[in-house]
Amino acid sequence: MTIEEAQQTVDNWIKANGVRYFSELTNMAILTEEVGEVARLISRQYGEQSFKESDKGKDLGDELADVLFVVICLANQTGINLTEALARNLAKKNQRDSQRHKDNEKLK
């Protein structure tokens, strides 16, 4: 699935099942919540924290997909084409950071 297809799929789902988009502010709060769930799971899978009973059975891919879904919702409702935005962002990074990470002693 391309990014454009994902944006259209989410839009179709919202219109068919979600009734309408939540407000941008509500979606921002939901995004924060979803990112927190990703952080919680990563801290248990890759960090030093132990799993709680409520964490068991959680899937990192599913949690990341929740984040992506809300990001796509925000893009759709604010008129952002994520394919174009990502292309511009990568061009910026290529220009700005072409040597920065290669020259970073901490990464060697």
PDB file of N, CA and C in Angstrom:
ATOM      1  N   MET A   1       0.848  -1.176   0.000  1.00  0.00           N
ATOM      2  CA  MET A   1       0.000   0.000   0.000  1.00  0.00           C
ATOM      3  C   MET A   1       0.893   1.239   0.000  1.00  0.00           C
ATOM      4  N   THR A   2       0.628   2.163  -0.898  1.00  0.00           N
ATOM      5  CA  THR A   2       1.376   3.416  -0.925  1.00  0.00           C
ATOM      6  C   THR A   2       0.839   4.341   0.164  1.00  0.00           C
ATOM      7  N   ILE A   3       1.559   5.412   0.399  1.00  0.00           N
ATOM      8  CA  ILE A   3       1.085   6.404   1.374  1.00  0.00           C
ATOM      9  C   ILE A   3      -0.224   7.017   0.893  1.00  0.00           C
ATOM     10  N   GLU A   4      -0.305   7.330  -0.399  1.00  0.00           N
ATOM     11  CA  GLU A   4      -1.554   7.895  -0.931  1.00  0.00           C
ATOM     12  C   GLU A   4      -2.711   6.922  -0.753  1.00  0.00           C
ATOM     13  N   GLU A   5      -2.461   5.650  -1.017  1.00  0.00           N
ATOM     14  CA  GLU A   5      -3.515   4.643  -0.818  1.00  0.00           C
ATOM     15  C   GLU A   5      -3.907   4.549   0.646  1.00  0.00           C
ATOM     16  N   ALA A   6      -2.932   4.647   1.536  1.00  0.00           N
ATOM     17  CA  ALA A   6      -3.227   4.615   2.968  1.00  0.00           C
ATOM     18  C   ALA A   6      -4.088   5.807   3.370  1.00  0.00           C
ATOM     19  N   GLN A   7      -3.758   6.978   2.839  1.00  0.00           N
ATOM     20  CA  GLN A   7      -4.563   8.159   3.159  1.00  0.00           C
ATOM     21  C   GLN A   7      -6.001   7.977   2.665  1.00  0.00           C
ATOM     22  N   GLN A   8      -6.161   7.435   1.481  1.00  0.00           N
ATOM     23  CA  GLN A   8      -7.508   7.220   0.949  1.00  0.00           C
ATOM     24  C   GLN A   8      -8.246   6.137   1.727  1.00  0.00           C
ATOM     25  N   THR A   9      -7.549   5.077   2.099  1.00  0.00           N
ATOM     26  CA  THR A   9      -8.164   3.988   2.865  1.00  0.00           C
ATOM     27  C   THR A   9      -8.655   4.479   4.220  1.00  0.00           C
ATOM     28  N   VAL A  10      -7.824   5.271   4.895  1.00  0.00           N
ATOM     29  CA  VAL A  10      -8.233   5.826   6.191  1.00  0.00           C
ATOM     30  C   VAL A  10      -9.422   6.757   6.010  1.00  0.00           C
ATOM     31  N   ASP A  11      -9.385   7.597   4.989  1.00  0.00           N
ATOM     32  CA  ASP A  11     -10.503   8.505   4.739  1.00  0.00           C
ATOM     33  C   ASP A  11     -11.793   7.719   4.486  1.00  0.00           C
ATOM     34  N   ASN A  12     -11.687   6.678   3.684  1.00  0.00           N
ATOM     35  CA  ASN A  12     -12.863   5.839   3.425  1.00  0.00           C
ATOM     36  C   ASN A  12     -13.378   5.200   4.709  1.00  0.00           C
ATOM     37  N   TRP A  13     -12.468   4.725   5.548  1.00  0.00           N
ATOM     38  CA  TRP A  13     -12.875   4.087   6.797  1.00  0.00           C
ATOM     39  C   TRP A  13     -13.579   5.087   7.713  1.00  0.00           C
ATOM     40  N   ILE A  14     -12.998   6.276   7.822  1.00  0.00           N
ATOM     41  CA  ILE A  14     -13.610   7.314   8.670  1.00  0.00           C
ATOM     42  C   ILE A  14     -15.028   7.603   8.190  1.00  0.00           C
ATOM     43  N   LYS A  15     -15.198   7.773   6.908  1.00  0.00           N
ATOM     44  CA  LYS A  15     -16.522   8.103   6.363  1.00  0.00           C
ATOM     45  C   LYS A  15     -17.513   6.958   6.516  1.00  0.00           C
ATOM     46  N   ALA A  16     -17.043   5.722   6.437  1.00  0.00           N
ATOM     47  CA  ALA A  16     -17.939   4.564   6.528  1.00  0.00           C
ATOM     48  C   ALA A  16     -18.192   4.127   7.969  1.00  0.00           C
ATOM     49  N   ASN A  17     -17.184   4.262   8.832  1.00  0.00           N
ATOM     50  CA  ASN A  17     -17.294   3.704  10.181  1.00  0.00           C
ATOM     51  C   ASN A  17     -17.126   4.717  11.301  1.00  0.00           C
ATOM     52  N   GLY A  18     -16.374   5.743  11.047  1.00  0.00           N
ATOM     53  CA  GLY A  18     -16.066   6.687  12.107  1.00  0.00           C
ATOM     54  C   GLY A  18     -16.995   7.883  12.152  1.00  0.00           C
ATOM     55  N   VAL A  19     -17.933   7.948  11.245  1.00  0.00           N
ATOM     56  CA  VAL A  19     -18.898   9.028  11.112  1.00  0.00           C
ATOM     57  C   VAL A  19     -18.228  10.296  10.584  1.00  0.00           C
ATOM     58  N   ARG A  20     -17.203  10.795  11.298  1.00  0.00           N
ATOM     59  CA  ARG A  20     -16.449  11.969  10.866  1.00  0.00           C
ATOM     60  C   ARG A  20     -15.116  11.952  11.604  1.00  0.00           C
ATOM     61  N   TYR A  21     -14.209  12.792  11.145  1.00  0.00           N
ATOM     62  CA  TYR A  21     -12.934  12.935  11.845  1.00  0.00           C
ATOM     63  C   TYR A  21     -13.175  13.607  13.188  1.00  0.00           C
ATOM     64  N   PHE A  22     -12.425  13.169  14.207  1.00  0.00           N
ATOM     65  CA  PHE A  22     -12.379  13.941  15.445  1.00  0.00           C
ATOM     66  C   PHE A  22     -11.710  15.273  15.122  1.00  0.00           C
ATOM     67  N   SER A  23     -11.866  16.248  15.984  1.00  0.00           N
ATOM     68  CA  SER A  23     -11.187  17.534  15.760  1.00  0.00           C
ATOM     69  C   SER A  23      -9.674  17.321  15.760  1.00  0.00           C
ATOM     70  N   GLU A  24      -8.974  18.266  15.163  1.00  0.00           N
ATOM     71  CA  GLU A  24      -7.517  18.188  15.128  1.00  0.00           C
ATOM     72  C   GLU A  24      -6.937  18.125  16.540  1.00  0.00           C
ATOM     73  N   LEU A  25      -7.502  18.896  17.436  1.00  0.00           N
ATOM     74  CA  LEU A  25      -7.007  18.896  18.815  1.00  0.00           C
ATOM     75  C   LEU A  25      -7.233  17.536  19.475  1.00  0.00           C
ATOM     76  N   THR A  26      -8.395  16.949  19.268  1.00  0.00           N
ATOM     77  CA  THR A  26      -8.666  15.620  19.820  1.00  0.00           C
ATOM     78  C   THR A  26      -7.714  14.601  19.217  1.00  0.00           C
ATOM     79  N   ASN A  27      -7.513  14.666  17.902  1.00  0.00           N
ATOM     80  CA  ASN A  27      -6.590  13.722  17.276  1.00  0.00           C
ATOM     81  C   ASN A  27      -5.161  13.914  17.768  1.00  0.00           C
ATOM     82  N   MET A  28      -4.765  15.133  18.071  1.00  0.00           N
ATOM     83  CA  MET A  28      -3.429  15.361  18.626  1.00  0.00           C
ATOM     84  C   MET A  28      -3.309  14.686  19.985  1.00  0.00           C
ATOM     85  N   ALA A  29      -4.347  14.783  20.797  1.00  0.00           N
ATOM     86  CA  ALA A  29      -4.341  14.120  22.102  1.00  0.00           C
ATOM     87  C   ALA A  29      -4.301  12.596  21.932  1.00  0.00           C
ATOM     88  N   ILE A  30      -5.060  12.078  20.970  1.00  0.00           N
ATOM     89  CA  ILE A  30      -5.058  10.643  20.705  1.00  0.00           C
ATOM     90  C   ILE A  30      -3.674  10.199  20.223  1.00  0.00           C
ATOM     91  N   LEU A  31      -3.043  11.001  19.362  1.00  0.00           N
ATOM     92  CA  LEU A  31      -1.706  10.678  18.878  1.00  0.00           C
ATOM     93  C   LEU A  31      -0.723  10.590  20.041  1.00  0.00           C
ATOM     94  N   THR A  32      -0.806  11.526  20.946  1.00  0.00           N
ATOM     95  CA  THR A  32       0.063  11.515  22.120  1.00  0.00           C
ATOM     96  C   THR A  32      -0.147  10.240  22.932  1.00  0.00           C
ATOM     97  N   GLU A  33      -1.395   9.867  23.105  1.00  0.00           N
ATOM     98  CA  GLU A  33      -1.722   8.635  23.830  1.00  0.00           C
ATOM     99  C   GLU A  33      -1.139   7.413  23.117  1.00  0.00           C
ATOM    100  N   GLU A  34      -1.304   7.352  21.810  1.00  0.00           N
ATOM    101  CA  GLU A  34      -0.808   6.202  21.048  1.00  0.00           C
ATOM    102  C   GLU A  34       0.720   6.125  21.076  1.00  0.00           C
ATOM    103  N   VAL A  35       1.394   7.272  20.973  1.00  0.00           N
ATOM    104  CA  VAL A  35       2.858   7.281  21.055  1.00  0.00           C
ATOM    105  C   VAL A  35       3.296   6.810  22.441  1.00  0.00           C
ATOM    106  N   GLY A  36       2.548   7.189  23.467  1.00  0.00           N
ATOM    107  CA  GLY A  36       2.843   6.709  24.816  1.00  0.00           C
ATOM    108  C   GLY A  36       2.740   5.199  24.921  1.00  0.00           C
ATOM    109  N   GLU A  37       1.777   4.614  24.231  1.00  0.00           N
ATOM    110  CA  GLU A  37       1.637   3.157  24.242  1.00  0.00           C
ATOM    111  C   GLU A  37       2.821   2.493  23.548  1.00  0.00           C
ATOM    112  N   VAL A  38       3.310   3.101  22.470  1.00  0.00           N
ATOM    113  CA  VAL A  38       4.506   2.586  21.796  1.00  0.00           C
ATOM    114  C   VAL A  38       5.707   2.671  22.746  1.00  0.00           C
ATOM    115  N   ALA A  39       5.860   3.818  23.398  1.00  0.00           N
ATOM    116  CA  ALA A  39       6.980   4.008  24.324  1.00  0.00           C
ATOM    117  C   ALA A  39       6.924   2.991  25.458  1.00  0.00           C
ATOM    118  N   ARG A  40       5.745   2.759  25.974  1.00  0.00           N
ATOM    119  CA  ARG A  40       5.583   1.799  27.074  1.00  0.00           C
ATOM    120  C   ARG A  40       6.018   0.406  26.635  1.00  0.00           C
ATOM    121  N   LEU A  41       5.584  -0.001  25.460  1.00  0.00           N
ATOM    122  CA  LEU A  41       5.903  -1.336  24.975  1.00  0.00           C
ATOM    123  C   LEU A  41       7.399  -1.470  24.668  1.00  0.00           C
ATOM    124  N   ILE A  42       7.981  -0.461  24.040  1.00  0.00           N
ATOM    125  CA  ILE A  42       9.419  -0.515  23.736  1.00  0.00           C
ATOM    126  C   ILE A  42      10.243  -0.547  25.019  1.00  0.00           C
ATOM    127  N   SER A  43       9.828   0.213  26.026  1.00  0.00           N
ATOM    128  CA  SER A  43      10.583   0.220  27.286  1.00  0.00           C
ATOM    129  C   SER A  43      10.560  -1.147  27.962  1.00  0.00           C
ATOM    130  N   ARG A  44       9.530  -1.939  27.668  1.00  0.00           N
ATOM    131  CA  ARG A  44       9.449  -3.275  28.243  1.00  0.00           C
ATOM    132  C   ARG A  44      10.139  -4.317  27.362  1.00  0.00           C
ATOM    133  N   GLN A  45      10.001  -4.180  26.052  1.00  0.00           N
ATOM    134  CA  GLN A  45      10.623  -5.165  25.156  1.00  0.00           C
ATOM    135  C   GLN A  45      12.126  -4.953  25.022  1.00  0.00           C
ATOM    136  N   TYR A  46      12.571  -3.698  24.975  1.00  0.00           N
ATOM    137  CA  TYR A  46      13.973  -3.402  24.695  1.00  0.00           C
ATOM    138  C   TYR A  46      14.686  -2.711  25.850  1.00  0.00           C
ATOM    139  N   GLY A  47      13.936  -2.245  26.824  1.00  0.00           N
ATOM    140  CA  GLY A  47      14.525  -1.556  27.960  1.00  0.00           C
ATOM    141  C   GLY A  47      14.547  -2.443  29.195  1.00  0.00           C
ATOM    142  N   GLU A  48      14.717  -1.805  30.309  1.00  0.00           N
ATOM    143  CA  GLU A  48      14.868  -2.537  31.560  1.00  0.00           C
ATOM    144  C   GLU A  48      13.566  -2.790  32.309  1.00  0.00           C
ATOM    145  N   GLN A  49      12.479  -2.172  31.881  1.00  0.00           N
ATOM    146  CA  GLN A  49      11.231  -2.357  32.608  1.00  0.00           C
ATOM    147  C   GLN A  49      10.667  -3.754  32.372  1.00  0.00           C
ATOM    148  N   SER A  50      10.040  -4.295  33.396  1.00  0.00           N
ATOM    149  CA  SER A  50       9.403  -5.606  33.257  1.00  0.00           C
ATOM    150  C   SER A  50       7.959  -5.418  32.803  1.00  0.00           C
ATOM    151  N   PHE A  51       7.440  -6.468  32.193  1.00  0.00           N
ATOM    152  CA  PHE A  51       6.064  -6.429  31.709  1.00  0.00           C
ATOM    153  C   PHE A  51       5.094  -6.502  32.875  1.00  0.00           C
ATOM    154  N   LYS A  52       4.018  -5.745  32.760  1.00  0.00           N
ATOM    155  CA  LYS A  52       2.896  -5.878  33.689  1.00  0.00           C
ATOM    156  C   LYS A  52       1.882  -6.783  33.013  1.00  0.00           C
ATOM    157  N   GLU A  53       0.972  -7.285  33.770  1.00  0.00           N
ATOM    158  CA  GLU A  53      -0.044  -8.182  33.212  1.00  0.00           C
ATOM    159  C   GLU A  53      -0.794  -7.509  32.057  1.00  0.00           C
ATOM    160  N   SER A  54      -1.080  -6.215  32.196  1.00  0.00           N
ATOM    161  CA  SER A  54      -1.823  -5.488  31.165  1.00  0.00           C
ATOM    162  C   SER A  54      -1.004  -5.264  29.890  1.00  0.00           C
ATOM    163  N   ASP A  55       0.322  -5.453  29.955  1.00  0.00           N
ATOM    164  CA  ASP A  55       1.181  -5.265  28.780  1.00  0.00           C
ATOM    165  C   ASP A  55       1.290  -6.529  27.939  1.00  0.00           C
ATOM    166  N   LYS A  56       0.984  -7.648  28.522  1.00  0.00           N
ATOM    167  CA  LYS A  56       1.185  -8.918  27.825  1.00  0.00           C
ATOM    168  C   LYS A  56       0.233  -9.038  26.648  1.00  0.00           C
ATOM    169  N   GLY A  57       0.762  -9.559  25.567  1.00  0.00           N
ATOM    170  CA  GLY A  57      -0.038  -9.734  24.366  1.00  0.00           C
ATOM    171  C   GLY A  57      -0.075  -8.521  23.463  1.00  0.00           C
ATOM    172  N   LYS A  58       0.545  -7.433  23.878  1.00  0.00           N
ATOM    173  CA  LYS A  58       0.590  -6.224  23.037  1.00  0.00           C
ATOM    174  C   LYS A  58       1.586  -6.455  21.903  1.00  0.00           C
ATOM    175  N   ASP A  59       1.261  -5.937  20.742  1.00  0.00           N
ATOM    176  CA  ASP A  59       2.080  -6.116  19.551  1.00  0.00           C
ATOM    177  C   ASP A  59       2.614  -4.762  19.104  1.00  0.00           C
ATOM    178  N   LEU A  60       3.938  -4.647  18.999  1.00  0.00           N
ATOM    179  CA  LEU A  60       4.548  -3.370  18.633  1.00  0.00           C
ATOM    180  C   LEU A  60       4.082  -2.902  17.258  1.00  0.00           C
ATOM    181  N   GLY A  61       3.970  -3.813  16.310  1.00  0.00           N
ATOM    182  CA  GLY A  61       3.499  -3.439  14.977  1.00  0.00           C
ATOM    183  C   GLY A  61       2.109  -2.843  15.018  1.00  0.00           C
ATOM    184  N   ASP A  62       1.238  -3.436  15.815  1.00  0.00           N
ATOM    185  CA  ASP A  62      -0.122  -2.920  15.940  1.00  0.00           C
ATOM    186  C   ASP A  62      -0.124  -1.542  16.588  1.00  0.00           C
ATOM    187  N   GLU A  63       0.716  -1.365  17.593  1.00  0.00           N
ATOM    188  CA  GLU A  63       0.782  -0.063  18.270  1.00  0.00           C
ATOM    189  C   GLU A  63       1.345   1.010  17.327  1.00  0.00           C
ATOM    190  N   LEU A  64       2.356   0.660  16.534  1.00  0.00           N
ATOM    191  CA  LEU A  64       2.889   1.614  15.557  1.00  0.00           C
ATOM    192  C   LEU A  64       1.849   1.933  14.491  1.00  0.00           C
ATOM    193  N   ALA A  65       1.061   0.941  14.104  1.00  0.00           N
ATOM    194  CA  ALA A  65      -0.008   1.186  13.127  1.00  0.00           C
ATOM    195  C   ALA A  65      -1.056   2.134  13.695  1.00  0.00           C
ATOM    196  N   ASP A  66      -1.330   2.047  15.003  1.00  0.00           N
ATOM    197  CA  ASP A  66      -2.248   3.007  15.629  1.00  0.00           C
ATOM    198  C   ASP A  66      -1.719   4.429  15.489  1.00  0.00           C
ATOM    199  N   VAL A  67      -0.409   4.604  15.706  1.00  0.00           N
ATOM    200  CA  VAL A  67       0.214   5.923  15.558  1.00  0.00           C
ATOM    201  C   VAL A  67       0.072   6.393  14.111  1.00  0.00           C
ATOM    202  N   LEU A  68       0.383   5.514  13.171  1.00  0.00           N
ATOM    203  CA  LEU A  68       0.298   5.863  11.759  1.00  0.00           C
ATOM    204  C   LEU A  68      -1.123   6.247  11.358  1.00  0.00           C
ATOM    205  N   PHE A  69      -2.106   5.514  11.855  1.00  0.00           N
ATOM    206  CA  PHE A  69      -3.506   5.805  11.554  1.00  0.00           C
ATOM    207  C   PHE A  69      -3.865   7.225  11.969  1.00  0.00           C
ATOM    208  N   VAL A  70      -3.470   7.616  13.178  1.00  0.00           N
ATOM    209  CA  VAL A  70      -3.815   8.954  13.666  1.00  0.00           C
ATOM    210  C   VAL A  70      -3.033  10.024  12.910  1.00  0.00           C
ATOM    211  N   VAL A  71      -1.777   9.758  12.571  1.00  0.00           N
ATOM    212  CA  VAL A  71      -1.006  10.712  11.761  1.00  0.00           C
ATOM    213  C   VAL A  71      -1.701  10.912  10.421  1.00  0.00           C
ATOM    214  N   ILE A  72      -2.160   9.827   9.816  1.00  0.00           N
ATOM    215  CA  ILE A  72      -2.870   9.926   8.539  1.00  0.00           C
ATOM    216  C   ILE A  72      -4.167  10.711   8.709  1.00  0.00           C
ATOM    217  N   CYS A  73      -4.880  10.483   9.794  1.00  0.00           N
ATOM    218  CA  CYS A  73      -6.100  11.266  10.051  1.00  0.00           C
ATOM    219  C   CYS A  73      -5.779  12.756  10.104  1.00  0.00           C
ATOM    220  N   LEU A  74      -4.740  13.120  10.842  1.00  0.00           N
ATOM    221  CA  LEU A  74      -4.362  14.531  10.950  1.00  0.00           C
ATOM    222  C   LEU A  74      -3.971  15.101   9.591  1.00  0.00           C
ATOM    223  N   ALA A  75      -3.247  14.326   8.811  1.00  0.00           N
ATOM    224  CA  ALA A  75      -2.866  14.795   7.472  1.00  0.00           C
ATOM    225  C   ALA A  75      -4.106  14.984   6.605  1.00  0.00           C
ATOM    226  N   ASN A  76      -4.999  14.023   6.619  1.00  0.00           N
ATOM    227  CA  ASN A  76      -6.203  14.111   5.795  1.00  0.00           C
ATOM    228  C   ASN A  76      -7.041  15.334   6.158  1.00  0.00           C
ATOM    229  N   GLN A  77      -7.241  15.533   7.431  1.00  0.00           N
ATOM    230  CA  GLN A  77      -8.155  16.605   7.820  1.00  0.00           C
ATOM    231  C   GLN A  77      -7.523  17.986   7.710  1.00  0.00           C
ATOM    232  N   THR A  78      -6.207  18.047   7.548  1.00  0.00           N
ATOM    233  CA  THR A  78      -5.553  19.340   7.373  1.00  0.00           C
ATOM    234  C   THR A  78      -5.066  19.539   5.937  1.00  0.00           C
ATOM    235  N   GLY A  79      -5.444  18.622   5.039  1.00  0.00           N
ATOM    236  CA  GLY A  79      -5.149  18.772   3.625  1.00  0.00           C
ATOM    237  C   GLY A  79      -3.701  18.524   3.238  1.00  0.00           C
ATOM    238  N   ILE A  80      -3.011  17.687   3.989  1.00  0.00           N
ATOM    239  CA  ILE A  80      -1.603  17.419   3.696  1.00  0.00           C
ATOM    240  C   ILE A  80      -1.478  16.101   2.931  1.00  0.00           C
ATOM    241  N   ASN A  81      -0.786  16.173   1.801  1.00  0.00           N
ATOM    242  CA  ASN A  81      -0.447  14.986   1.035  1.00  0.00           C
ATOM    243  C   ASN A  81       0.853  14.459   1.629  1.00  0.00           C
ATOM    244  N   LEU A  82       0.778  13.338   2.348  1.00  0.00           N
ATOM    245  CA  LEU A  82       1.955  12.828   3.046  1.00  0.00           C
ATOM    246  C   LEU A  82       3.050  12.349   2.102  1.00  0.00           C
ATOM    247  N   THR A  83       2.705  11.896   0.911  1.00  0.00           N
ATOM    248  CA  THR A  83       3.724  11.496  -0.060  1.00  0.00           C
ATOM    249  C   THR A  83       4.589  12.696  -0.416  1.00  0.00           C
ATOM    250  N   GLU A  84       3.941  13.802  -0.734  1.00  0.00           N
ATOM    251  CA  GLU A  84       4.675  15.021  -1.081  1.00  0.00           C
ATOM    252  C   GLU A  84       5.432  15.573   0.126  1.00  0.00           C
ATOM    253  N   ALA A  85       4.799  15.558   1.291  1.00  0.00           N
ATOM    254  CA  ALA A  85       5.442  16.081   2.497  1.00  0.00           C
ATOM    255  C   ALA A  85       6.677  15.267   2.861  1.00  0.00           C
ATOM    256  N   LEU A  86       6.593  13.945   2.748  1.00  0.00           N
ATOM    257  CA  LEU A  86       7.740  13.100   3.056  1.00  0.00           C
ATOM    258  C   LEU A  86       8.868  13.319   2.055  1.00  0.00           C
ATOM    259  N   ALA A  87       8.530  13.464   0.782  1.00  0.00           N
ATOM    260  CA  ALA A  87       9.551  13.722  -0.243  1.00  0.00           C
ATOM    261  C   ALA A  87      10.282  15.037   0.063  1.00  0.00           C
ATOM    262  N   ARG A  88       9.534  16.081   0.409  1.00  0.00           N
ATOM    263  CA  ARG A  88      10.160  17.365   0.756  1.00  0.00           C
ATOM    264  C   ARG A  88      11.033  17.235   2.004  1.00  0.00           C
ATOM    265  N   ASN A  89      10.536  16.482   2.983  1.00  0.00           N
ATOM    266  CA  ASN A  89      11.262  16.299   4.233  1.00  0.00           C
ATOM    267  C   ASN A  89      12.575  15.549   4.005  1.00  0.00           C
ATOM    268  N   LEU A  90      12.531  14.505   3.177  1.00  0.00           N
ATOM    269  CA  LEU A  90      13.753  13.753   2.888  1.00  0.00           C
ATOM    270  C   LEU A  90      14.753  14.598   2.112  1.00  0.00           C
ATOM    271  N   ALA A  91      14.269  15.423   1.184  1.00  0.00           N
ATOM    272  CA  ALA A  91      15.160  16.324   0.444  1.00  0.00           C
ATOM    273  C   ALA A  91      15.839  17.291   1.409  1.00  0.00           C
ATOM    274  N   LYS A  92      15.081  17.812   2.362  1.00  0.00           N
ATOM    275  CA  LYS A  92      15.642  18.721   3.367  1.00  0.00           C
ATOM    276  C   LYS A  92      16.714  18.007   4.185  1.00  0.00           C
ATOM    277  N   LYS A  93      16.402  16.786   4.612  1.00  0.00           N
ATOM    278  CA  LYS A  93      17.360  16.028   5.413  1.00  0.00           C
ATOM    279  C   LYS A  93      18.617  15.703   4.609  1.00  0.00           C
ATOM    280  N   ASN A  94      18.452  15.358   3.342  1.00  0.00           N
ATOM    281  CA  ASN A  94      19.610  15.057   2.505  1.00  0.00           C
ATOM    282  C   ASN A  94      20.509  16.269   2.343  1.00  0.00           C
ATOM    283  N   GLN A  95      19.918  17.430   2.221  1.00  0.00           N
ATOM    284  CA  GLN A  95      20.712  18.648   2.068  1.00  0.00           C
ATOM    285  C   GLN A  95      21.353  19.053   3.394  1.00  0.00           C
ATOM    286  N   ARG A  96      20.577  19.051   4.443  1.00  0.00           N
ATOM    287  CA  ARG A  96      21.043  19.538   5.741  1.00  0.00           C
ATOM    288  C   ARG A  96      21.961  18.546   6.447  1.00  0.00           C
ATOM    289  N   ASP A  97      21.666  17.269   6.315  1.00  0.00           N
ATOM    290  CA  ASP A  97      22.346  16.265   7.134  1.00  0.00           C
ATOM    291  C   ASP A  97      23.236  15.317   6.335  1.00  0.00           C
ATOM    292  N   SER A  98      23.620  15.701   5.126  1.00  0.00           N
ATOM    293  CA  SER A  98      24.371  14.771   4.277  1.00  0.00           C
ATOM    294  C   SER A  98      25.671  14.294   4.928  1.00  0.00           C
ATOM    295  N   GLN A  99      26.286  15.117   5.736  1.00  0.00           N
ATOM    296  CA  GLN A  99      27.533  14.725   6.397  1.00  0.00           C
ATOM    297  C   GLN A  99      27.428  14.677   7.914  1.00  0.00           C
ATOM    298  N   ARG A 100      26.393  15.295   8.455  1.00  0.00           N
ATOM    299  CA  ARG A 100      26.315  15.474   9.908  1.00  0.00           C
ATOM    300  C   ARG A 100      26.453  14.166  10.670  1.00  0.00           C
ATOM    301  N   HIS A 101      25.730  13.136  10.278  1.00  0.00           N
ATOM    302  CA  HIS A 101      25.779  11.870  11.007  1.00  0.00           C
ATOM    303  C   HIS A 101      27.077  11.115  10.729  1.00  0.00           C
ATOM    304  N   LYS A 102      27.584  11.237   9.510  1.00  0.00           N
ATOM    305  CA  LYS A 102      28.859  10.603   9.173  1.00  0.00           C
ATOM    306  C   LYS A 102      30.000  11.197   9.993  1.00  0.00           C
ATOM    307  N   ASP A 103      29.889  12.485  10.305  1.00  0.00           N
ATOM    308  CA  ASP A 103      30.929  13.173  11.065  1.00  0.00           C
ATOM    309  C   ASP A 103      30.727  13.083  12.574  1.00  0.00           C
ATOM    310  N   ASN A 104      29.668  12.458  13.010  1.00  0.00           N
ATOM    311  CA  ASN A 104      29.367  12.373  14.438  1.00  0.00           C
ATOM    312  C   ASN A 104      30.185  11.264  15.083  1.00  0.00           C
ATOM    313  N   GLU A 105      31.130  11.646  15.899  1.00  0.00           N
ATOM    314  CA  GLU A 105      32.002  10.681  16.573  1.00  0.00           C
ATOM    315  C   GLU A 105      31.221   9.707  17.455  1.00  0.00           C
ATOM    316  N   LYS A 106      30.096  10.142  17.970  1.00  0.00           N
ATOM    317  CA  LYS A 106      29.284   9.275  18.845  1.00  0.00           C
ATOM    318  C   LYS A 106      28.694   8.084  18.093  1.00  0.00           C
ATOM    319  N   LEU A 107      28.598   8.198  16.766  1.00  0.00           N
ATOM    320  CA  LEU A 107      28.003   7.121  15.983  1.00  0.00           C
ATOM    321  C   LEU A 107      29.026   6.152  15.413  1.00  0.00           C
ATOM    322  N   LYS A 108      30.286   6.385  15.688  1.00  0.00           N
ATOM    323  CA  LYS A 108      31.348   5.504  15.156  1.00  0.00           C
ATOM    324  C   LYS A 108      31.678   4.389  16.091  1.00  0.00           C
TER     325      LYS A 108
END
